[in-house]
Amino acid sequence: ILRIVLVLLLFVDVTLTVLPDAGDLFTEEGFGGKPLFYWMTKEGTHRWSLLQNVHHPGWATFYIALWSLTSFTLTIGFFTRTSAVTVWLLAISVANANSYIDNAGDRIRNLLLFYLMLCPCGAVWSVDRWRQRRKEENANERTRIQVYPWPIFLIVVQMCMLYFLNGMYKISGKDWPEGVSLYYVLGDMTLTRVSFEQFPIPLWMTKTISHTVLYWELFFPVMMMIPWAGIADRIQHSRWKPVQGLHVYFRWNRMLMLLFGISFHLGIALLMELGGFPWYAMCCYLPLAPWENLGRKPDDLVYS
């Protein structure tokens, strides 16, 4: 599900926004090409890009069209590993060739593409698996699919670091600790989707939201790493009956943190103009949903 949603977003993004202007974005004749960004891949910078020696608009269009094509094949899971490697290489090449077209969302996307390149993301929901299943049926065989959980664990660790370091950066400034950051952002017409005059939010409300987001980011790693479900089970089966009912206050802490994160990014998507950032950020949450419960009966549901 992470592969399908993430790369489908990438496919739409590349096809509609990057491909039509590839010649302008990555060649000398364009307004955003090598004259501005030659320093990013010059010798000694330790950066590399497939586009660093592209001089003709046709070749730039070819590489971006290849990026779009392999994004589509990765979405459907056709030659999954080869497509994943190609998509990641082209994503890094674009990031190192023109930094003005990327934002924080694109960096999150590139991190997730790195995990997709290394993990068996086409093991089940993919054309590759469908073809393999056809071969097994013809040979009267059936293989049980099992994959290691380390990619999901690393994505959770990545989320913890992203939110925590972002919170540390915010708390070191002035606007976020004072709670006025969101108030100023909603008045910045380069970021907000609606005019503050049309949708006036009281200062006390923006302060409350700003402080809530700040401390949610700072405490996100702690809340995610504590085994709340195990603690709730121990409390529920405690010999001391007066505390057994307290297990409900511990069982869903991790879920509440994740639900707040989703609502946070949905709010950004609705109120702010930050490109694909909120959508790519929400892709980090996809592997944590209980997809294994699809098609199960209520008595067979798995909770984690």
C-alpha atoms as a PDB file:
ATOM      1  CA  ILE A   1       0.000   0.000   0.000  1.00  0.00           C
ATOM      2  CA  LEU A   2       2.922   2.363   0.652  1.00  0.00           C
ATOM      3  CA  ARG A   3       4.306   1.618  -2.803  1.00  0.00           C
ATOM      4  CA  ILE A   4       0.978   2.103  -4.539  1.00  0.00           C
ATOM      5  CA  VAL A   5      -0.062   5.386  -2.904  1.00  0.00           C
ATOM      6  CA  LEU A   6       3.387   7.021  -2.689  1.00  0.00           C
ATOM      7  CA  VAL A   7       4.410   6.299  -6.258  1.00  0.00           C
ATOM      8  CA  LEU A   8       0.961   7.106  -7.656  1.00  0.00           C
ATOM      9  CA  LEU A   9       1.335  10.567  -6.112  1.00  0.00           C
ATOM     10  CA  LEU A  10       4.810  10.785  -7.639  1.00  0.00           C
ATOM     11  CA  PHE A  11       3.523   9.709 -11.055  1.00  0.00           C
ATOM     12  CA  VAL A  12       0.836  12.413 -11.064  1.00  0.00           C
ATOM     13  CA  ASP A  13       3.305  14.999  -9.749  1.00  0.00           C
ATOM     14  CA  VAL A  14       5.993  14.247 -12.329  1.00  0.00           C
ATOM     15  CA  THR A  15       3.627  13.895 -15.277  1.00  0.00           C
ATOM     16  CA  LEU A  16       1.686  17.097 -14.638  1.00  0.00           C
ATOM     17  CA  THR A  17       4.274  19.470 -13.154  1.00  0.00           C
ATOM     18  CA  VAL A  18       7.814  18.428 -14.136  1.00  0.00           C
ATOM     19  CA  LEU A  19       7.520  16.733 -17.525  1.00  0.00           C
ATOM     20  CA  PRO A  20       5.909  19.674 -19.419  1.00  0.00           C
ATOM     21  CA  ASP A  21       8.754  22.025 -18.372  1.00  0.00           C
ATOM     22  CA  ALA A  22      11.702  19.586 -18.391  1.00  0.00           C
ATOM     23  CA  GLY A  23      13.637  21.570 -21.005  1.00  0.00           C
ATOM     24  CA  ASP A  24      13.328  24.792 -19.027  1.00  0.00           C
ATOM     25  CA  LEU A  25      14.200  23.201 -15.691  1.00  0.00           C
ATOM     26  CA  PHE A  26      17.333  21.240 -16.578  1.00  0.00           C
ATOM     27  CA  THR A  27      19.180  22.872 -19.507  1.00  0.00           C
ATOM     28  CA  GLU A  28      21.236  26.019 -20.126  1.00  0.00           C
ATOM     29  CA  GLU A  29      18.506  27.547 -22.292  1.00  0.00           C
ATOM     30  CA  GLY A  30      15.959  27.303 -19.493  1.00  0.00           C
ATOM     31  CA  PHE A  31      15.266  29.727 -16.660  1.00  0.00           C
ATOM     32  CA  GLY A  32      16.007  27.192 -13.920  1.00  0.00           C
ATOM     33  CA  GLY A  33      18.776  24.995 -15.280  1.00  0.00           C
ATOM     34  CA  LYS A  34      22.556  24.802 -15.150  1.00  0.00           C
ATOM     35  CA  PRO A  35      23.356  28.533 -15.019  1.00  0.00           C
ATOM     36  CA  LEU A  36      21.842  28.552 -11.520  1.00  0.00           C
ATOM     37  CA  PHE A  37      22.628  25.041 -10.299  1.00  0.00           C
ATOM     38  CA  TYR A  38      25.965  24.029 -11.818  1.00  0.00           C
ATOM     39  CA  TRP A  39      27.572  24.286  -8.368  1.00  0.00           C
ATOM     40  CA  MET A  40      25.424  21.454  -7.004  1.00  0.00           C
ATOM     41  CA  THR A  41      27.161  18.708  -9.006  1.00  0.00           C
ATOM     42  CA  LYS A  42      30.569  20.224  -9.731  1.00  0.00           C
ATOM     43  CA  GLU A  43      33.700  18.358  -8.697  1.00  0.00           C
ATOM     44  CA  GLY A  44      34.233  18.289  -4.959  1.00  0.00           C
ATOM     45  CA  THR A  45      30.562  18.596  -3.980  1.00  0.00           C
ATOM     46  CA  HIS A  46      30.065  14.798  -3.724  1.00  0.00           C
ATOM     47  CA  ARG A  47      26.736  15.109  -5.511  1.00  0.00           C
ATOM     48  CA  TRP A  48      25.736  13.209  -8.607  1.00  0.00           C
ATOM     49  CA  SER A  49      22.951  13.497 -11.151  1.00  0.00           C
ATOM     50  CA  LEU A  50      22.014  11.815 -14.413  1.00  0.00           C
ATOM     51  CA  LEU A  51      21.035  15.293 -15.600  1.00  0.00           C
ATOM     52  CA  GLN A  52      24.342  17.018 -14.840  1.00  0.00           C
ATOM     53  CA  ASN A  53      25.654  16.647 -18.420  1.00  0.00           C
ATOM     54  CA  VAL A  54      22.330  17.135 -20.216  1.00  0.00           C
ATOM     55  CA  HIS A  55      22.431  20.097 -22.624  1.00  0.00           C
ATOM     56  CA  HIS A  56      19.550  19.459 -25.017  1.00  0.00           C
ATOM     57  CA  PRO A  57      15.900  19.894 -23.964  1.00  0.00           C
ATOM     58  CA  GLY A  58      15.053  16.631 -25.695  1.00  0.00           C
ATOM     59  CA  TRP A  59      17.341  14.622 -23.409  1.00  0.00           C
ATOM     60  CA  ALA A  60      15.962  16.371 -20.348  1.00  0.00           C
ATOM     61  CA  THR A  61      12.453  15.471 -21.481  1.00  0.00           C
ATOM     62  CA  PHE A  62      13.590  11.880 -22.095  1.00  0.00           C
ATOM     63  CA  TYR A  63      14.867  11.439 -18.520  1.00  0.00           C
ATOM     64  CA  ILE A  64      11.739  12.952 -16.967  1.00  0.00           C
ATOM     65  CA  ALA A  65       9.516  10.848 -19.243  1.00  0.00           C
ATOM     66  CA  LEU A  66      11.483   7.779 -18.112  1.00  0.00           C
ATOM     67  CA  TRP A  67      10.875   8.891 -14.511  1.00  0.00           C
ATOM     68  CA  SER A  68       7.149   9.116 -15.220  1.00  0.00           C
ATOM     69  CA  LEU A  69       7.077   5.729 -16.982  1.00  0.00           C
ATOM     70  CA  THR A  70       8.975   3.873 -14.265  1.00  0.00           C
ATOM     71  CA  SER A  71       6.774   5.538 -11.643  1.00  0.00           C
ATOM     72  CA  PHE A  72       3.783   3.982 -13.367  1.00  0.00           C
ATOM     73  CA  THR A  73       5.386   0.530 -13.611  1.00  0.00           C
ATOM     74  CA  LEU A  74       6.371   0.741  -9.935  1.00  0.00           C
ATOM     75  CA  THR A  75       2.824   1.736  -8.978  1.00  0.00           C
ATOM     76  CA  ILE A  76       1.391  -1.403 -10.556  1.00  0.00           C
ATOM     77  CA  GLY A  77       4.339  -3.544  -9.410  1.00  0.00           C
ATOM     78  CA  PHE A  78       5.734  -4.483 -12.840  1.00  0.00           C
ATOM     79  CA  PHE A  79       9.456  -5.346 -12.640  1.00  0.00           C
ATOM     80  CA  THR A  80       9.156  -3.890  -9.165  1.00  0.00           C
ATOM     81  CA  ARG A  81      12.786  -3.905  -7.990  1.00  0.00           C
ATOM     82  CA  THR A  82      14.164  -2.556 -11.277  1.00  0.00           C
ATOM     83  CA  SER A  83      11.474   0.139 -11.378  1.00  0.00           C
ATOM     84  CA  ALA A  84      12.129   1.107  -7.742  1.00  0.00           C
ATOM     85  CA  VAL A  85      15.878   1.520  -8.322  1.00  0.00           C
ATOM     86  CA  THR A  86      15.274   3.579 -11.467  1.00  0.00           C
ATOM     87  CA  VAL A  87      12.669   5.820  -9.814  1.00  0.00           C
ATOM     88  CA  TRP A  88      14.938   6.489  -6.830  1.00  0.00           C
ATOM     89  CA  LEU A  89      17.970   7.268  -9.035  1.00  0.00           C
ATOM     90  CA  LEU A  90      15.952   9.716 -11.130  1.00  0.00           C
ATOM     91  CA  ALA A  91      14.422  11.323  -8.026  1.00  0.00           C
ATOM     92  CA  ILE A  92      17.896  11.936  -6.588  1.00  0.00           C
ATOM     93  CA  SER A  93      19.133  13.157  -9.982  1.00  0.00           C
ATOM     94  CA  VAL A  94      16.334  15.717 -10.175  1.00  0.00           C
ATOM     95  CA  ALA A  95      16.933  16.856  -6.586  1.00  0.00           C
ATOM     96  CA  ASN A  96      20.641  17.371  -7.306  1.00  0.00           C
ATOM     97  CA  ALA A  97      20.057  19.124 -10.632  1.00  0.00           C
ATOM     98  CA  ASN A  98      17.505  21.757  -9.595  1.00  0.00           C
ATOM     99  CA  SER A  99      16.845  22.294  -5.895  1.00  0.00           C
ATOM    100  CA  TYR A 100      14.206  25.001  -6.466  1.00  0.00           C
ATOM    101  CA  ILE A 101      11.543  22.532  -7.596  1.00  0.00           C
ATOM    102  CA  ASP A 102      11.880  20.363  -4.468  1.00  0.00           C
ATOM    103  CA  ASN A 103      10.522  21.005  -0.976  1.00  0.00           C
ATOM    104  CA  ALA A 104      10.343  19.119   2.314  1.00  0.00           C
ATOM    105  CA  GLY A 105       7.685  16.821   0.886  1.00  0.00           C
ATOM    106  CA  ASP A 106       9.969  15.748  -1.946  1.00  0.00           C
ATOM    107  CA  ARG A 107      12.718  14.944   0.557  1.00  0.00           C
ATOM    108  CA  ILE A 108      10.314  12.732   2.502  1.00  0.00           C
ATOM    109  CA  ARG A 109       9.296  11.105  -0.778  1.00  0.00           C
ATOM    110  CA  ASN A 110      12.922  10.358  -1.655  1.00  0.00           C
ATOM    111  CA  LEU A 111      13.506   8.792   1.776  1.00  0.00           C
ATOM    112  CA  LEU A 112      10.507   6.505   1.325  1.00  0.00           C
ATOM    113  CA  LEU A 113      11.601   5.615  -2.218  1.00  0.00           C
ATOM    114  CA  PHE A 114      14.937   4.499  -0.740  1.00  0.00           C
ATOM    115  CA  TYR A 115      13.111   2.049   1.529  1.00  0.00           C
ATOM    116  CA  LEU A 116      10.977   0.800  -1.366  1.00  0.00           C
ATOM    117  CA  MET A 117      14.128   0.161  -3.373  1.00  0.00           C
ATOM    118  CA  LEU A 118      15.544  -2.101  -0.640  1.00  0.00           C
ATOM    119  CA  CYS A 119      12.444  -3.914   0.642  1.00  0.00           C
ATOM    120  CA  PRO A 120      10.227  -6.477  -1.159  1.00  0.00           C
ATOM    121  CA  CYS A 121       7.477  -3.934  -1.847  1.00  0.00           C
ATOM    122  CA  GLY A 122       6.032  -6.014  -4.690  1.00  0.00           C
ATOM    123  CA  ALA A 123       5.624  -9.199  -2.648  1.00  0.00           C
ATOM    124  CA  VAL A 124       1.810  -9.239  -2.676  1.00  0.00           C
ATOM    125  CA  TRP A 125      -0.141  -6.443  -4.394  1.00  0.00           C
ATOM    126  CA  SER A 126       1.711  -6.303  -7.721  1.00  0.00           C
ATOM    127  CA  VAL A 127       1.719  -7.507 -11.314  1.00  0.00           C
ATOM    128  CA  ASP A 128       4.904  -9.427 -10.510  1.00  0.00           C
ATOM    129  CA  ARG A 129       3.107 -11.402  -7.790  1.00  0.00           C
ATOM    130  CA  TRP A 130       0.136 -12.022 -10.095  1.00  0.00           C
ATOM    131  CA  ARG A 131       2.461 -13.463 -12.732  1.00  0.00           C
ATOM    132  CA  GLN A 132       4.194 -15.604 -10.099  1.00  0.00           C
ATOM    133  CA  ARG A 133       0.843 -16.861  -8.828  1.00  0.00           C
ATOM    134  CA  ARG A 134      -0.141 -17.874 -12.347  1.00  0.00           C
ATOM    135  CA  LYS A 135       3.040 -19.962 -12.639  1.00  0.00           C
ATOM    136  CA  GLU A 136       2.373 -21.582  -9.261  1.00  0.00           C
ATOM    137  CA  GLU A 137      -1.182 -22.469 -10.241  1.00  0.00           C
ATOM    138  CA  ASN A 138       0.035 -24.090 -13.448  1.00  0.00           C
ATOM    139  CA  ALA A 139       2.549 -26.111 -11.426  1.00  0.00           C
ATOM    140  CA  ASN A 140       0.000 -26.922  -8.682  1.00  0.00           C
ATOM    141  CA  GLU A 141       2.145 -25.107  -6.115  1.00  0.00           C
ATOM    142  CA  ARG A 142       1.435 -22.398  -3.598  1.00  0.00           C
ATOM    143  CA  THR A 143       4.035 -20.257  -1.836  1.00  0.00           C
ATOM    144  CA  ARG A 144       3.326 -18.511   1.435  1.00  0.00           C
ATOM    145  CA  ILE A 145       4.602 -14.934   1.288  1.00  0.00           C
ATOM    146  CA  GLN A 146       6.589 -13.743   4.318  1.00  0.00           C
ATOM    147  CA  VAL A 147       8.695 -10.596   4.515  1.00  0.00           C
ATOM    148  CA  TYR A 148      10.847  -9.086   7.244  1.00  0.00           C
ATOM    149  CA  PRO A 149       9.360  -6.142   9.188  1.00  0.00           C
ATOM    150  CA  TRP A 150      12.552  -4.043   9.300  1.00  0.00           C
ATOM    151  CA  PRO A 151      11.375  -1.495   6.637  1.00  0.00           C
ATOM    152  CA  ILE A 152       8.335  -0.568   8.759  1.00  0.00           C
ATOM    153  CA  PHE A 153      10.508  -0.241  11.863  1.00  0.00           C
ATOM    154  CA  LEU A 154      12.958   2.043  10.047  1.00  0.00           C
ATOM    155  CA  ILE A 155      10.129   4.185   8.678  1.00  0.00           C
ATOM    156  CA  VAL A 156       8.817   4.662  12.236  1.00  0.00           C
ATOM    157  CA  VAL A 157      12.331   5.609  13.419  1.00  0.00           C
ATOM    158  CA  GLN A 158      12.578   8.033  10.470  1.00  0.00           C
ATOM    159  CA  MET A 159       9.254   9.619  11.453  1.00  0.00           C
ATOM    160  CA  CYS A 160      10.414   9.978  15.055  1.00  0.00           C
ATOM    161  CA  MET A 161      13.595  11.749  13.964  1.00  0.00           C
ATOM    162  CA  LEU A 162      11.782  14.001  11.486  1.00  0.00           C
ATOM    163  CA  TYR A 163       9.221  15.204  14.008  1.00  0.00           C
ATOM    164  CA  PHE A 164      11.600  15.442  16.966  1.00  0.00           C
ATOM    165  CA  LEU A 165      14.292  17.416  15.124  1.00  0.00           C
ATOM    166  CA  ASN A 166      11.632  19.655  13.621  1.00  0.00           C
ATOM    167  CA  GLY A 167      10.286  20.299  17.124  1.00  0.00           C
ATOM    168  CA  MET A 168      13.788  21.047  18.438  1.00  0.00           C
ATOM    169  CA  TYR A 169      14.318  23.544  15.629  1.00  0.00           C
ATOM    170  CA  LYS A 170      10.980  25.226  16.382  1.00  0.00           C
ATOM    171  CA  ILE A 171      11.484  25.450  20.138  1.00  0.00           C
ATOM    172  CA  SER A 172      14.886  27.087  19.631  1.00  0.00           C
ATOM    173  CA  GLY A 173      13.203  30.059  17.962  1.00  0.00           C
ATOM    174  CA  LYS A 174      10.759  32.674  19.231  1.00  0.00           C
ATOM    175  CA  ASP A 175       7.452  32.376  17.349  1.00  0.00           C
ATOM    176  CA  TRP A 176       6.630  28.745  18.167  1.00  0.00           C
ATOM    177  CA  PRO A 177       7.290  28.926  21.943  1.00  0.00           C
ATOM    178  CA  GLU A 178       5.172  32.095  22.049  1.00  0.00           C
ATOM    179  CA  GLY A 179       2.454  30.353  20.020  1.00  0.00           C
ATOM    180  CA  VAL A 180       2.169  33.002  17.297  1.00  0.00           C
ATOM    181  CA  SER A 181       3.715  31.050  14.410  1.00  0.00           C
ATOM    182  CA  LEU A 182       0.451  29.743  12.967  1.00  0.00           C
ATOM    183  CA  TYR A 183      -1.125  33.196  13.345  1.00  0.00           C
ATOM    184  CA  TYR A 184       1.606  34.715  11.150  1.00  0.00           C
ATOM    185  CA  VAL A 185       1.533  31.831   8.661  1.00  0.00           C
ATOM    186  CA  LEU A 186      -2.203  32.199   8.084  1.00  0.00           C
ATOM    187  CA  GLY A 187      -1.575  35.843   7.256  1.00  0.00           C
ATOM    188  CA  ASP A 188       1.148  35.048   4.698  1.00  0.00           C
ATOM    189  CA  MET A 189      -0.430  34.928   1.235  1.00  0.00           C
ATOM    190  CA  THR A 190       2.522  32.928  -0.135  1.00  0.00           C
ATOM    191  CA  LEU A 191       1.587  30.032   2.161  1.00  0.00           C
ATOM    192  CA  THR A 192      -2.108  30.174   3.015  1.00  0.00           C
ATOM    193  CA  ARG A 193      -4.906  29.088   0.685  1.00  0.00           C
ATOM    194  CA  VAL A 194      -7.501  31.512   2.103  1.00  0.00           C
ATOM    195  CA  SER A 195      -7.316  35.110   3.225  1.00  0.00           C
ATOM    196  CA  PHE A 196      -7.212  35.679   6.973  1.00  0.00           C
ATOM    197  CA  GLU A 197      -9.871  38.366   6.488  1.00  0.00           C
ATOM    198  CA  GLN A 198     -12.211  35.749   5.021  1.00  0.00           C
ATOM    199  CA  PHE A 199     -11.469  33.147   7.661  1.00  0.00           C
ATOM    200  CA  PRO A 200     -10.373  34.965  10.848  1.00  0.00           C
ATOM    201  CA  ILE A 201      -9.184  32.466  13.467  1.00  0.00           C
ATOM    202  CA  PRO A 202      -8.909  33.904  17.002  1.00  0.00           C
ATOM    203  CA  LEU A 203      -5.407  34.371  18.348  1.00  0.00           C
ATOM    204  CA  TRP A 204      -6.084  32.131  21.348  1.00  0.00           C
ATOM    205  CA  MET A 205      -7.023  29.281  18.993  1.00  0.00           C
ATOM    206  CA  THR A 206      -3.901  29.628  16.824  1.00  0.00           C
ATOM    207  CA  LYS A 207      -1.783  29.736  20.003  1.00  0.00           C
ATOM    208  CA  THR A 208      -3.390  26.544  21.273  1.00  0.00           C
ATOM    209  CA  ILE A 209      -2.821  24.778  17.946  1.00  0.00           C
ATOM    210  CA  SER A 210       0.778  26.007  17.695  1.00  0.00           C
ATOM    211  CA  HIS A 211       1.690  24.806  21.189  1.00  0.00           C
ATOM    212  CA  THR A 212      -0.085  21.478  20.644  1.00  0.00           C
ATOM    213  CA  VAL A 213       1.809  20.819  17.409  1.00  0.00           C
ATOM    214  CA  LEU A 214       5.118  21.832  18.969  1.00  0.00           C
ATOM    215  CA  TYR A 215       4.860  19.498  21.945  1.00  0.00           C
ATOM    216  CA  TRP A 216       3.355  16.713  19.844  1.00  0.00           C
ATOM    217  CA  GLU A 217       6.482  16.763  17.677  1.00  0.00           C
ATOM    218  CA  LEU A 218       8.819  16.850  20.664  1.00  0.00           C
ATOM    219  CA  PHE A 219       7.142  13.924  22.453  1.00  0.00           C
ATOM    220  CA  PHE A 220       6.380  11.869  19.344  1.00  0.00           C
ATOM    221  CA  PRO A 221       9.462   9.564  19.680  1.00  0.00           C
ATOM    222  CA  VAL A 222       8.754   8.806  23.345  1.00  0.00           C
ATOM    223  CA  MET A 223       5.086   8.067  22.742  1.00  0.00           C
ATOM    224  CA  MET A 224       5.837   5.818  19.773  1.00  0.00           C
ATOM    225  CA  MET A 225       8.643   3.812  21.363  1.00  0.00           C
ATOM    226  CA  ILE A 226       6.905   2.979  24.646  1.00  0.00           C
ATOM    227  CA  PRO A 227       5.063  -0.409  24.382  1.00  0.00           C
ATOM    228  CA  TRP A 228       1.702   0.972  25.478  1.00  0.00           C
ATOM    229  CA  ALA A 229      -0.281  -2.126  24.476  1.00  0.00           C
ATOM    230  CA  GLY A 230       1.926  -4.339  26.651  1.00  0.00           C
ATOM    231  CA  ILE A 231       1.595  -1.954  29.596  1.00  0.00           C
ATOM    232  CA  ALA A 232      -2.196  -1.909  29.145  1.00  0.00           C
ATOM    233  CA  ASP A 233      -2.309  -5.721  29.146  1.00  0.00           C
ATOM    234  CA  ARG A 234      -0.339  -5.897  32.387  1.00  0.00           C
ATOM    235  CA  ILE A 235      -2.610  -3.348  34.057  1.00  0.00           C
ATOM    236  CA  GLN A 236      -5.730  -5.125  32.814  1.00  0.00           C
ATOM    237  CA  HIS A 237      -4.557  -8.463  34.236  1.00  0.00           C
ATOM    238  CA  SER A 238      -3.176  -6.973  37.434  1.00  0.00           C
ATOM    239  CA  ARG A 239      -4.102  -8.665  40.699  1.00  0.00           C
ATOM    240  CA  TRP A 240      -5.057  -5.279  42.126  1.00  0.00           C
ATOM    241  CA  LYS A 241      -8.598  -4.841  40.813  1.00  0.00           C
ATOM    242  CA  PRO A 242      -8.918  -1.073  41.475  1.00  0.00           C
ATOM    243  CA  VAL A 243      -6.316  -0.328  38.764  1.00  0.00           C
ATOM    244  CA  GLN A 244      -7.513  -2.812  36.153  1.00  0.00           C
ATOM    245  CA  GLY A 245      -9.868  -0.293  34.590  1.00  0.00           C
ATOM    246  CA  LEU A 246      -6.988   2.106  33.916  1.00  0.00           C
ATOM    247  CA  HIS A 247      -5.769   0.007  30.990  1.00  0.00           C
ATOM    248  CA  VAL A 248      -8.003   1.982  28.604  1.00  0.00           C
ATOM    249  CA  TYR A 249      -5.908   5.106  29.285  1.00  0.00           C
ATOM    250  CA  PHE A 250      -2.766   3.388  27.989  1.00  0.00           C
ATOM    251  CA  ARG A 251      -3.863   1.099  25.181  1.00  0.00           C
ATOM    252  CA  TRP A 252      -4.561   3.723  22.520  1.00  0.00           C
ATOM    253  CA  ASN A 253      -1.814   6.304  23.216  1.00  0.00           C
ATOM    254  CA  ARG A 254       0.195   5.381  20.156  1.00  0.00           C
ATOM    255  CA  MET A 255      -2.915   5.377  17.970  1.00  0.00           C
ATOM    256  CA  LEU A 256      -3.906   8.827  19.263  1.00  0.00           C
ATOM    257  CA  MET A 257      -0.465  10.214  18.368  1.00  0.00           C
ATOM    258  CA  LEU A 258      -0.781   8.849  14.838  1.00  0.00           C
ATOM    259  CA  LEU A 259      -4.338  10.122  14.405  1.00  0.00           C
ATOM    260  CA  PHE A 260      -3.238  13.582  15.533  1.00  0.00           C
ATOM    261  CA  GLY A 261      -0.422  13.462  12.979  1.00  0.00           C
ATOM    262  CA  ILE A 262      -2.834  12.607  10.180  1.00  0.00           C
ATOM    263  CA  SER A 263      -5.206  15.413  11.213  1.00  0.00           C
ATOM    264  CA  PHE A 264      -2.209  17.784  11.391  1.00  0.00           C
ATOM    265  CA  HIS A 265      -1.163  17.024   7.813  1.00  0.00           C
ATOM    266  CA  LEU A 266      -4.756  17.131   6.547  1.00  0.00           C
ATOM    267  CA  GLY A 267      -5.073  20.591   8.091  1.00  0.00           C
ATOM    268  CA  ILE A 268      -1.922  21.694   6.292  1.00  0.00           C
ATOM    269  CA  ALA A 269      -3.254  20.311   2.996  1.00  0.00           C
ATOM    270  CA  LEU A 270      -6.534  22.213   3.401  1.00  0.00           C
ATOM    271  CA  LEU A 271      -5.195  25.551   4.666  1.00  0.00           C
ATOM    272  CA  MET A 272      -1.658  25.912   3.309  1.00  0.00           C
ATOM    273  CA  GLU A 273       0.044  25.797  -0.075  1.00  0.00           C
ATOM    274  CA  LEU A 274       3.042  23.533   0.529  1.00  0.00           C
ATOM    275  CA  GLY A 275       2.995  21.413  -2.609  1.00  0.00           C
ATOM    276  CA  GLY A 276       3.003  17.672  -2.018  1.00  0.00           C
ATOM    277  CA  PHE A 277       4.418  17.881   1.511  1.00  0.00           C
ATOM    278  CA  PRO A 278       1.269  16.893   3.485  1.00  0.00           C
ATOM    279  CA  TRP A 279       0.414  14.053   1.113  1.00  0.00           C
ATOM    280  CA  TYR A 280       3.912  12.567   1.040  1.00  0.00           C
ATOM    281  CA  ALA A 281       4.153  12.945   4.826  1.00  0.00           C
ATOM    282  CA  MET A 282       0.895  11.040   5.312  1.00  0.00           C
ATOM    283  CA  CYS A 283       2.351   8.188   3.246  1.00  0.00           C
ATOM    284  CA  CYS A 284       4.623   7.455   6.237  1.00  0.00           C
ATOM    285  CA  TYR A 285       1.508   6.394   8.148  1.00  0.00           C
ATOM    286  CA  LEU A 286       0.288   3.894   5.567  1.00  0.00           C
ATOM    287  CA  PRO A 287       2.435   0.893   6.646  1.00  0.00           C
ATOM    288  CA  LEU A 288       1.185   1.306  10.229  1.00  0.00           C
ATOM    289  CA  ALA A 289      -2.475   0.665   9.379  1.00  0.00           C
ATOM    290  CA  PRO A 290      -3.763  -2.913   9.967  1.00  0.00           C
ATOM    291  CA  TRP A 291      -4.033  -3.868   6.282  1.00  0.00           C
ATOM    292  CA  GLU A 292      -3.742  -7.518   7.287  1.00  0.00           C
ATOM    293  CA  ASN A 293      -7.320  -7.271   8.594  1.00  0.00           C
ATOM    294  CA  LEU A 294      -8.794  -6.698   5.130  1.00  0.00           C
ATOM    295  CA  GLY A 295     -11.223  -9.498   4.437  1.00  0.00           C
ATOM    296  CA  ARG A 296     -11.000 -10.972   7.933  1.00  0.00           C
ATOM    297  CA  LYS A 297     -13.980 -11.746  10.128  1.00  0.00           C
ATOM    298  CA  PRO A 298     -14.405  -9.606  13.288  1.00  0.00           C
ATOM    299  CA  ASP A 299     -13.261 -12.467  15.520  1.00  0.00           C
ATOM    300  CA  ASP A 300     -10.047 -12.865  13.496  1.00  0.00           C
ATOM    301  CA  LEU A 301      -8.894  -9.222  13.510  1.00  0.00           C
ATOM    302  CA  VAL A 302      -5.275  -8.508  14.430  1.00  0.00           C
ATOM    303  CA  TYR A 303      -4.419  -5.535  16.674  1.00  0.00           C
ATOM    304  CA  SER A 304      -0.864  -4.206  17.045  1.00  0.00           C
END
